[in-house]
């Protein structure tokens, strides 16, 4: 398993460029086949163009998986994922995305992709999806008044809680902190332009802009302690992070 989950930032404007380069490098190929999955944005045409242009500049051959329309077939989806060197999942409505993925068996195809040793990543919803549980803004998409975020079960490939946009959305950190009071164990928050790379049983924190960091929240008996996770090049034990140890 090799996943780079990015807290947020504009791919098309180059905000995440250093992290994007790391993702592309994981393929070990000069012109890798990248599959962009924009399910969370309901296959936004503008998003397709912006992502495609950004990753083409990195030497990638970009295809898209359009599950709301032409690719909404389990066999087509599985084939496209199997052919990809790198899978990148875009942002948007995580809850709707995961529901459609499970209906079409995309979750299983993504697991096979990772088990084959090929990398994957994504931003915001595309970061949350890989983890056991996420702090997601799905209540906003469903028009629930007075609620910005809530816990959302995700694919569970990484046994951690994740929260994106911790610095860049003013409500996020406080709501993530409150959510973690009821969830024993470790959660990781990511500022925009910050990412966590999970490689097998180890991890590291990446950043594409100065002052973008991660945050470790560890909950025990309803009490949450916090620690900043600054970027670091070395890989560290994932089991230690799960235990609240950096």
C-alpha atoms as a PDB file:
ATOM      1  CA  UNK A   1       0.000   0.000   0.000  1.00  0.00           C
ATOM      2  CA  UNK A   2       1.323   3.406  -0.981  1.00  0.00           C
ATOM      3  CA  UNK A   3      -1.092   6.317  -0.521  1.00  0.00           C
ATOM      4  CA  UNK A   4      -0.535  10.071  -0.425  1.00  0.00           C
ATOM      5  CA  UNK A   5      -3.542  11.838   1.099  1.00  0.00           C
ATOM      6  CA  UNK A   6      -3.547  15.646   0.671  1.00  0.00           C
ATOM      7  CA  UNK A   7      -5.456  17.951   3.003  1.00  0.00           C
ATOM      8  CA  UNK A   8      -6.417  20.444   0.302  1.00  0.00           C
ATOM      9  CA  UNK A   9      -5.103  23.089  -2.073  1.00  0.00           C
ATOM     10  CA  UNK A  10      -5.406  23.973  -5.732  1.00  0.00           C
ATOM     11  CA  UNK A  11      -3.842  21.430  -8.082  1.00  0.00           C
ATOM     12  CA  UNK A  12      -4.392  23.619 -11.140  1.00  0.00           C
ATOM     13  CA  UNK A  13      -2.757  26.663  -9.540  1.00  0.00           C
ATOM     14  CA  UNK A  14       0.283  24.653  -8.471  1.00  0.00           C
ATOM     15  CA  UNK A  15      -0.307  24.860  -4.722  1.00  0.00           C
ATOM     16  CA  UNK A  16       0.235  21.124  -4.294  1.00  0.00           C
ATOM     17  CA  UNK A  17       2.909  20.780  -6.981  1.00  0.00           C
ATOM     18  CA  UNK A  18       5.683  19.391  -4.768  1.00  0.00           C
ATOM     19  CA  UNK A  19       3.327  16.714  -3.436  1.00  0.00           C
ATOM     20  CA  UNK A  20       2.006  15.946  -6.920  1.00  0.00           C
ATOM     21  CA  UNK A  21       5.574  15.353  -8.074  1.00  0.00           C
ATOM     22  CA  UNK A  22       6.080  12.883  -5.228  1.00  0.00           C
ATOM     23  CA  UNK A  23       2.926  11.015  -6.272  1.00  0.00           C
ATOM     24  CA  UNK A  24       4.023  10.785  -9.897  1.00  0.00           C
ATOM     25  CA  UNK A  25       7.520   9.656  -8.870  1.00  0.00           C
ATOM     26  CA  UNK A  26       6.032   6.704  -6.971  1.00  0.00           C
ATOM     27  CA  UNK A  27       5.100   5.100 -10.294  1.00  0.00           C
ATOM     28  CA  UNK A  28       8.753   4.877 -11.329  1.00  0.00           C
ATOM     29  CA  UNK A  29       7.756   5.771 -14.887  1.00  0.00           C
ATOM     30  CA  UNK A  30       8.579   8.859 -16.966  1.00  0.00           C
ATOM     31  CA  UNK A  31       5.095   9.009 -18.513  1.00  0.00           C
ATOM     32  CA  UNK A  32       2.754   7.140 -16.177  1.00  0.00           C
ATOM     33  CA  UNK A  33      -0.899   6.460 -16.901  1.00  0.00           C
ATOM     34  CA  UNK A  34      -2.846   8.451 -14.311  1.00  0.00           C
ATOM     35  CA  UNK A  35      -6.518   7.742 -13.702  1.00  0.00           C
ATOM     36  CA  UNK A  36      -8.408  10.729 -12.303  1.00  0.00           C
ATOM     37  CA  UNK A  37     -11.580   9.824 -10.392  1.00  0.00           C
ATOM     38  CA  UNK A  38     -13.833  12.910  -9.967  1.00  0.00           C
ATOM     39  CA  UNK A  39     -16.830  11.050  -8.484  1.00  0.00           C
ATOM     40  CA  UNK A  40     -17.083  13.382  -5.486  1.00  0.00           C
ATOM     41  CA  UNK A  41     -17.607  16.396  -7.777  1.00  0.00           C
ATOM     42  CA  UNK A  42     -20.163  14.488  -9.885  1.00  0.00           C
ATOM     43  CA  UNK A  43     -17.655  14.306 -12.736  1.00  0.00           C
ATOM     44  CA  UNK A  44     -17.288  18.102 -12.998  1.00  0.00           C
ATOM     45  CA  UNK A  45     -16.113  18.894 -16.580  1.00  0.00           C
ATOM     46  CA  UNK A  46     -14.139  21.908 -15.388  1.00  0.00           C
ATOM     47  CA  UNK A  47     -12.353  19.797 -12.770  1.00  0.00           C
ATOM     48  CA  UNK A  48     -11.429  17.250 -15.452  1.00  0.00           C
ATOM     49  CA  UNK A  49      -9.802  19.933 -17.584  1.00  0.00           C
ATOM     50  CA  UNK A  50      -7.935  21.571 -14.713  1.00  0.00           C
ATOM     51  CA  UNK A  51      -6.582  18.305 -13.301  1.00  0.00           C
ATOM     52  CA  UNK A  52      -5.728  16.926 -16.723  1.00  0.00           C
ATOM     53  CA  UNK A  53      -3.731  20.018 -17.642  1.00  0.00           C
ATOM     54  CA  UNK A  54      -1.835  20.028 -14.327  1.00  0.00           C
ATOM     55  CA  UNK A  55      -0.799  16.375 -14.499  1.00  0.00           C
ATOM     56  CA  UNK A  56      -0.039  16.496 -18.221  1.00  0.00           C
ATOM     57  CA  UNK A  57       2.582  19.125 -17.344  1.00  0.00           C
ATOM     58  CA  UNK A  58       4.147  16.484 -15.071  1.00  0.00           C
ATOM     59  CA  UNK A  59       4.510  14.144 -18.043  1.00  0.00           C
ATOM     60  CA  UNK A  60       1.474  11.998 -17.264  1.00  0.00           C
ATOM     61  CA  UNK A  61      -0.985  10.428 -19.667  1.00  0.00           C
ATOM     62  CA  UNK A  62      -4.285  11.290 -17.989  1.00  0.00           C
ATOM     63  CA  UNK A  63      -7.554   9.396 -18.238  1.00  0.00           C
ATOM     64  CA  UNK A  64     -10.721   9.916 -16.219  1.00  0.00           C
ATOM     65  CA  UNK A  65     -13.201   7.513 -14.660  1.00  0.00           C
ATOM     66  CA  UNK A  66     -16.664   9.046 -15.100  1.00  0.00           C
ATOM     67  CA  UNK A  67     -18.865   6.901 -12.888  1.00  0.00           C
ATOM     68  CA  UNK A  68     -21.914   9.172 -13.051  1.00  0.00           C
ATOM     69  CA  UNK A  69     -22.118   8.726 -16.814  1.00  0.00           C
ATOM     70  CA  UNK A  70     -20.165   6.782 -19.448  1.00  0.00           C
ATOM     71  CA  UNK A  71     -18.100   4.619 -17.054  1.00  0.00           C
ATOM     72  CA  UNK A  72     -20.896   3.700 -14.648  1.00  0.00           C
ATOM     73  CA  UNK A  73     -20.393  -0.015 -15.196  1.00  0.00           C
ATOM     74  CA  UNK A  74     -18.485  -2.321 -12.831  1.00  0.00           C
ATOM     75  CA  UNK A  75     -16.470  -3.993 -15.597  1.00  0.00           C
ATOM     76  CA  UNK A  76     -15.470  -0.706 -17.232  1.00  0.00           C
ATOM     77  CA  UNK A  77     -14.472   0.791 -13.882  1.00  0.00           C
ATOM     78  CA  UNK A  78     -12.435  -2.258 -12.878  1.00  0.00           C
ATOM     79  CA  UNK A  79     -10.624  -2.312 -16.222  1.00  0.00           C
ATOM     80  CA  UNK A  80      -9.689   1.362 -16.114  1.00  0.00           C
ATOM     81  CA  UNK A  81      -8.386   1.078 -12.555  1.00  0.00           C
ATOM     82  CA  UNK A  82      -6.398  -2.058 -13.402  1.00  0.00           C
ATOM     83  CA  UNK A  83      -4.730  -0.294 -16.346  1.00  0.00           C
ATOM     84  CA  UNK A  84      -3.654   2.749 -14.318  1.00  0.00           C
ATOM     85  CA  UNK A  85      -0.163   3.284 -12.929  1.00  0.00           C
ATOM     86  CA  UNK A  86      -1.505   5.878 -10.484  1.00  0.00           C
ATOM     87  CA  UNK A  87      -5.012   6.616  -9.221  1.00  0.00           C
ATOM     88  CA  UNK A  88      -5.894  10.146  -8.080  1.00  0.00           C
ATOM     89  CA  UNK A  89      -9.239  10.908  -6.424  1.00  0.00           C
ATOM     90  CA  UNK A  90     -10.637  14.442  -6.517  1.00  0.00           C
ATOM     91  CA  UNK A  91     -12.527  16.444  -3.905  1.00  0.00           C
ATOM     92  CA  UNK A  92     -16.221  16.976  -3.267  1.00  0.00           C
ATOM     93  CA  UNK A  93     -18.955  14.962  -1.561  1.00  0.00           C
ATOM     94  CA  UNK A  94     -17.217  12.014   0.101  1.00  0.00           C
ATOM     95  CA  UNK A  95     -20.422  10.338   1.268  1.00  0.00           C
ATOM     96  CA  UNK A  96     -22.023  10.240  -2.191  1.00  0.00           C
ATOM     97  CA  UNK A  97     -18.736   9.124  -3.735  1.00  0.00           C
ATOM     98  CA  UNK A  98     -18.232   6.142  -1.450  1.00  0.00           C
ATOM     99  CA  UNK A  99     -21.870   5.053  -1.831  1.00  0.00           C
ATOM    100  CA  UNK A 100     -21.519   4.964  -5.633  1.00  0.00           C
ATOM    101  CA  UNK A 101     -18.141   3.240  -5.424  1.00  0.00           C
ATOM    102  CA  UNK A 102     -19.592   0.429  -3.311  1.00  0.00           C
ATOM    103  CA  UNK A 103     -22.553   0.066  -5.663  1.00  0.00           C
ATOM    104  CA  UNK A 104     -20.184  -0.384  -8.617  1.00  0.00           C
ATOM    105  CA  UNK A 105     -17.441  -2.368  -6.863  1.00  0.00           C
ATOM    106  CA  UNK A 106     -14.911   0.443  -7.261  1.00  0.00           C
ATOM    107  CA  UNK A 107     -13.804   0.002  -3.641  1.00  0.00           C
ATOM    108  CA  UNK A 108     -12.724  -3.564  -4.443  1.00  0.00           C
ATOM    109  CA  UNK A 109     -10.928  -2.489  -7.619  1.00  0.00           C
ATOM    110  CA  UNK A 110      -9.042   0.192  -5.691  1.00  0.00           C
ATOM    111  CA  UNK A 111      -7.971  -2.359  -3.101  1.00  0.00           C
ATOM    112  CA  UNK A 112      -6.617  -4.590  -5.886  1.00  0.00           C
ATOM    113  CA  UNK A 113      -4.753  -1.600  -7.344  1.00  0.00           C
ATOM    114  CA  UNK A 114      -3.023  -0.966  -4.016  1.00  0.00           C
ATOM    115  CA  UNK A 115      -2.337  -4.649  -3.377  1.00  0.00           C
ATOM    116  CA  UNK A 116      -0.599  -4.771  -6.775  1.00  0.00           C
ATOM    117  CA  UNK A 117       1.917  -2.266  -5.388  1.00  0.00           C
ATOM    118  CA  UNK A 118       0.661   0.710  -7.396  1.00  0.00           C
ATOM    119  CA  UNK A 119       0.267   4.133  -5.746  1.00  0.00           C
ATOM    120  CA  UNK A 120      -2.876   6.152  -5.148  1.00  0.00           C
ATOM    121  CA  UNK A 121      -3.726   9.512  -3.694  1.00  0.00           C
ATOM    122  CA  UNK A 122      -6.067  12.425  -3.731  1.00  0.00           C
ATOM    123  CA  UNK A 123      -7.181  15.642  -2.135  1.00  0.00           C
ATOM    124  CA  UNK A 124      -9.903  16.434   0.431  1.00  0.00           C
ATOM    125  CA  UNK A 125     -12.576  13.776  -0.286  1.00  0.00           C
ATOM    126  CA  UNK A 126      -9.835  12.016  -2.240  1.00  0.00           C
ATOM    127  CA  UNK A 127      -7.742  11.975   0.933  1.00  0.00           C
ATOM    128  CA  UNK A 128     -10.504  10.941   3.337  1.00  0.00           C
ATOM    129  CA  UNK A 129     -11.686   7.982   1.307  1.00  0.00           C
ATOM    130  CA  UNK A 130      -8.729   5.698   2.088  1.00  0.00           C
ATOM    131  CA  UNK A 131      -9.093   5.927   5.885  1.00  0.00           C
ATOM    132  CA  UNK A 132     -11.244   4.132   8.449  1.00  0.00           C
ATOM    133  CA  UNK A 133     -13.167   7.245   9.413  1.00  0.00           C
ATOM    134  CA  UNK A 134     -13.190  10.818   8.208  1.00  0.00           C
ATOM    135  CA  UNK A 135     -14.269  14.228   9.399  1.00  0.00           C
ATOM    136  CA  UNK A 136     -16.383  15.041   6.344  1.00  0.00           C
ATOM    137  CA  UNK A 137     -18.488  18.003   5.257  1.00  0.00           C
ATOM    138  CA  UNK A 138     -21.249  15.749   3.900  1.00  0.00           C
ATOM    139  CA  UNK A 139     -23.906  17.462   6.110  1.00  0.00           C
ATOM    140  CA  UNK A 140     -23.426  20.629   4.055  1.00  0.00           C
ATOM    141  CA  UNK A 141     -24.243  18.752   0.853  1.00  0.00           C
ATOM    142  CA  UNK A 142     -27.418  17.417   2.453  1.00  0.00           C
ATOM    143  CA  UNK A 143     -28.488  20.814   3.766  1.00  0.00           C
ATOM    144  CA  UNK A 144     -28.445  19.893   7.446  1.00  0.00           C
ATOM    145  CA  UNK A 145     -28.728  23.233   9.290  1.00  0.00           C
ATOM    146  CA  UNK A 146     -26.154  24.220  11.888  1.00  0.00           C
ATOM    147  CA  UNK A 147     -23.786  21.354  11.073  1.00  0.00           C
ATOM    148  CA  UNK A 148     -20.584  21.724   9.058  1.00  0.00           C
ATOM    149  CA  UNK A 149     -18.977  18.310   9.474  1.00  0.00           C
ATOM    150  CA  UNK A 150     -19.652  14.856  10.853  1.00  0.00           C
ATOM    151  CA  UNK A 151     -17.932  11.494  11.109  1.00  0.00           C
ATOM    152  CA  UNK A 152     -18.099   9.339   7.984  1.00  0.00           C
ATOM    153  CA  UNK A 153     -17.032   5.683   7.655  1.00  0.00           C
ATOM    154  CA  UNK A 154     -14.706   5.398   4.651  1.00  0.00           C
ATOM    155  CA  UNK A 155     -12.900   2.525   2.906  1.00  0.00           C
ATOM    156  CA  UNK A 156     -10.760   1.542   5.879  1.00  0.00           C
ATOM    157  CA  UNK A 157      -7.564   0.809   3.950  1.00  0.00           C
ATOM    158  CA  UNK A 158      -5.670   2.897   6.527  1.00  0.00           C
ATOM    159  CA  UNK A 159      -6.665   2.351  10.159  1.00  0.00           C
ATOM    160  CA  UNK A 160      -6.731   6.001  11.213  1.00  0.00           C
ATOM    161  CA  UNK A 161      -9.177   8.893  11.436  1.00  0.00           C
ATOM    162  CA  UNK A 162      -8.472  11.729   8.981  1.00  0.00           C
ATOM    163  CA  UNK A 163      -9.551  15.344   8.700  1.00  0.00           C
ATOM    164  CA  UNK A 164      -8.651  17.712   5.802  1.00  0.00           C
ATOM    165  CA  UNK A 165      -8.524  21.533   5.660  1.00  0.00           C
ATOM    166  CA  UNK A 166      -7.614  21.901   9.350  1.00  0.00           C
ATOM    167  CA  UNK A 167      -6.086  25.366   8.905  1.00  0.00           C
ATOM    168  CA  UNK A 168      -7.954  26.641   5.898  1.00  0.00           C
ATOM    169  CA  UNK A 169     -11.581  26.098   6.926  1.00  0.00           C
ATOM    170  CA  UNK A 170     -12.176  27.993  10.162  1.00  0.00           C
ATOM    171  CA  UNK A 171     -14.627  25.485  11.632  1.00  0.00           C
ATOM    172  CA  UNK A 172     -12.659  22.335  10.866  1.00  0.00           C
ATOM    173  CA  UNK A 173     -10.181  21.990  13.708  1.00  0.00           C
ATOM    174  CA  UNK A 174     -12.713  22.698  16.440  1.00  0.00           C
ATOM    175  CA  UNK A 175     -15.220  20.253  14.967  1.00  0.00           C
ATOM    176  CA  UNK A 176     -12.538  17.627  14.403  1.00  0.00           C
ATOM    177  CA  UNK A 177     -11.437  18.004  18.014  1.00  0.00           C
ATOM    178  CA  UNK A 178     -15.022  17.623  19.242  1.00  0.00           C
ATOM    179  CA  UNK A 179     -15.587  14.593  17.015  1.00  0.00           C
ATOM    180  CA  UNK A 180     -12.465  12.893  18.374  1.00  0.00           C
ATOM    181  CA  UNK A 181     -13.735  13.109  21.970  1.00  0.00           C
ATOM    182  CA  UNK A 182     -16.062  10.217  21.159  1.00  0.00           C
ATOM    183  CA  UNK A 183     -13.575   8.216  19.066  1.00  0.00           C
ATOM    184  CA  UNK A 184     -10.779   6.561  21.053  1.00  0.00           C
ATOM    185  CA  UNK A 185      -7.354   6.527  19.441  1.00  0.00           C
ATOM    186  CA  UNK A 186      -5.513   8.597  16.880  1.00  0.00           C
ATOM    187  CA  UNK A 187      -6.735  11.049  14.275  1.00  0.00           C
ATOM    188  CA  UNK A 188      -4.640  13.042  11.825  1.00  0.00           C
ATOM    189  CA  UNK A 189      -5.593  16.514  10.601  1.00  0.00           C
ATOM    190  CA  UNK A 190      -4.027  18.000   7.476  1.00  0.00           C
ATOM    191  CA  UNK A 191      -3.710  21.644   6.506  1.00  0.00           C
ATOM    192  CA  UNK A 192      -4.122  22.522   2.863  1.00  0.00           C
ATOM    193  CA  UNK A 193      -0.851  21.801   1.022  1.00  0.00           C
ATOM    194  CA  UNK A 194       0.062  19.145   3.593  1.00  0.00           C
ATOM    195  CA  UNK A 195      -0.173  15.390   3.073  1.00  0.00           C
ATOM    196  CA  UNK A 196       0.396  12.120   4.855  1.00  0.00           C
ATOM    197  CA  UNK A 197       2.057   9.339   2.892  1.00  0.00           C
ATOM    198  CA  UNK A 198       1.266   5.845   4.151  1.00  0.00           C
ATOM    199  CA  UNK A 199       3.628   3.221   2.766  1.00  0.00           C
ATOM    200  CA  UNK A 200       2.902  -0.196   4.178  1.00  0.00           C
ATOM    201  CA  UNK A 201       3.393   0.040   7.937  1.00  0.00           C
ATOM    202  CA  UNK A 202       5.123   3.420   7.911  1.00  0.00           C
ATOM    203  CA  UNK A 203       4.307   7.039   7.196  1.00  0.00           C
ATOM    204  CA  UNK A 204       5.729  10.484   6.638  1.00  0.00           C
ATOM    205  CA  UNK A 205       4.346  14.037   6.441  1.00  0.00           C
ATOM    206  CA  UNK A 206       4.814  16.076   3.256  1.00  0.00           C
ATOM    207  CA  UNK A 207       4.159  19.736   2.507  1.00  0.00           C
ATOM    208  CA  UNK A 208       4.168  21.837  -0.657  1.00  0.00           C
ATOM    209  CA  UNK A 209       4.014  25.234   1.057  1.00  0.00           C
ATOM    210  CA  UNK A 210       5.727  26.696   4.134  1.00  0.00           C
ATOM    211  CA  UNK A 211       3.750  26.550   7.385  1.00  0.00           C
ATOM    212  CA  UNK A 212       1.511  23.700   6.195  1.00  0.00           C
ATOM    213  CA  UNK A 213       1.569  20.966   8.825  1.00  0.00           C
ATOM    214  CA  UNK A 214      -0.289  17.956  10.092  1.00  0.00           C
ATOM    215  CA  UNK A 215      -1.930  17.569  13.485  1.00  0.00           C
ATOM    216  CA  UNK A 216      -2.106  14.483  15.676  1.00  0.00           C
ATOM    217  CA  UNK A 217      -5.166  14.250  17.907  1.00  0.00           C
ATOM    218  CA  UNK A 218      -5.199  11.372  20.367  1.00  0.00           C
ATOM    219  CA  UNK A 219      -8.371  10.608  22.286  1.00  0.00           C
ATOM    220  CA  UNK A 220      -8.477   8.690  25.535  1.00  0.00           C
ATOM    221  CA  UNK A 221     -11.344   8.631  28.059  1.00  0.00           C
ATOM    222  CA  UNK A 222     -12.989  11.600  26.356  1.00  0.00           C
ATOM    223  CA  UNK A 223      -9.869  13.746  26.586  1.00  0.00           C
ATOM    224  CA  UNK A 224      -8.054  14.841  23.442  1.00  0.00           C
ATOM    225  CA  UNK A 225      -4.413  15.820  23.346  1.00  0.00           C
ATOM    226  CA  UNK A 226      -2.878  17.469  20.312  1.00  0.00           C
ATOM    227  CA  UNK A 227       0.536  17.596  18.725  1.00  0.00           C
ATOM    228  CA  UNK A 228       1.804  19.267  15.564  1.00  0.00           C
ATOM    229  CA  UNK A 229       3.123  16.949  12.847  1.00  0.00           C
ATOM    230  CA  UNK A 230       5.707  18.970  10.906  1.00  0.00           C
ATOM    231  CA  UNK A 231       6.882  17.680   7.508  1.00  0.00           C
ATOM    232  CA  UNK A 232       9.683  15.096   7.645  1.00  0.00           C
ATOM    233  CA  UNK A 233      11.517  13.173   4.950  1.00  0.00           C
ATOM    234  CA  UNK A 234      12.068   9.998   6.956  1.00  0.00           C
ATOM    235  CA  UNK A 235       9.444   7.280   7.277  1.00  0.00           C
ATOM    236  CA  UNK A 236       8.248   6.453  10.791  1.00  0.00           C
ATOM    237  CA  UNK A 237       6.264   3.527  12.258  1.00  0.00           C
ATOM    238  CA  UNK A 238       2.538   3.799  11.598  1.00  0.00           C
ATOM    239  CA  UNK A 239       1.725   1.735  14.696  1.00  0.00           C
ATOM    240  CA  UNK A 240       3.396   4.385  16.858  1.00  0.00           C
ATOM    241  CA  UNK A 241       1.257   7.108  15.292  1.00  0.00           C
ATOM    242  CA  UNK A 242      -1.865   5.039  16.008  1.00  0.00           C
ATOM    243  CA  UNK A 243      -0.772   4.964  19.646  1.00  0.00           C
ATOM    244  CA  UNK A 244      -0.352   8.732  19.732  1.00  0.00           C
ATOM    245  CA  UNK A 245       3.446   8.632  19.612  1.00  0.00           C
ATOM    246  CA  UNK A 246       5.355  10.752  17.088  1.00  0.00           C
END
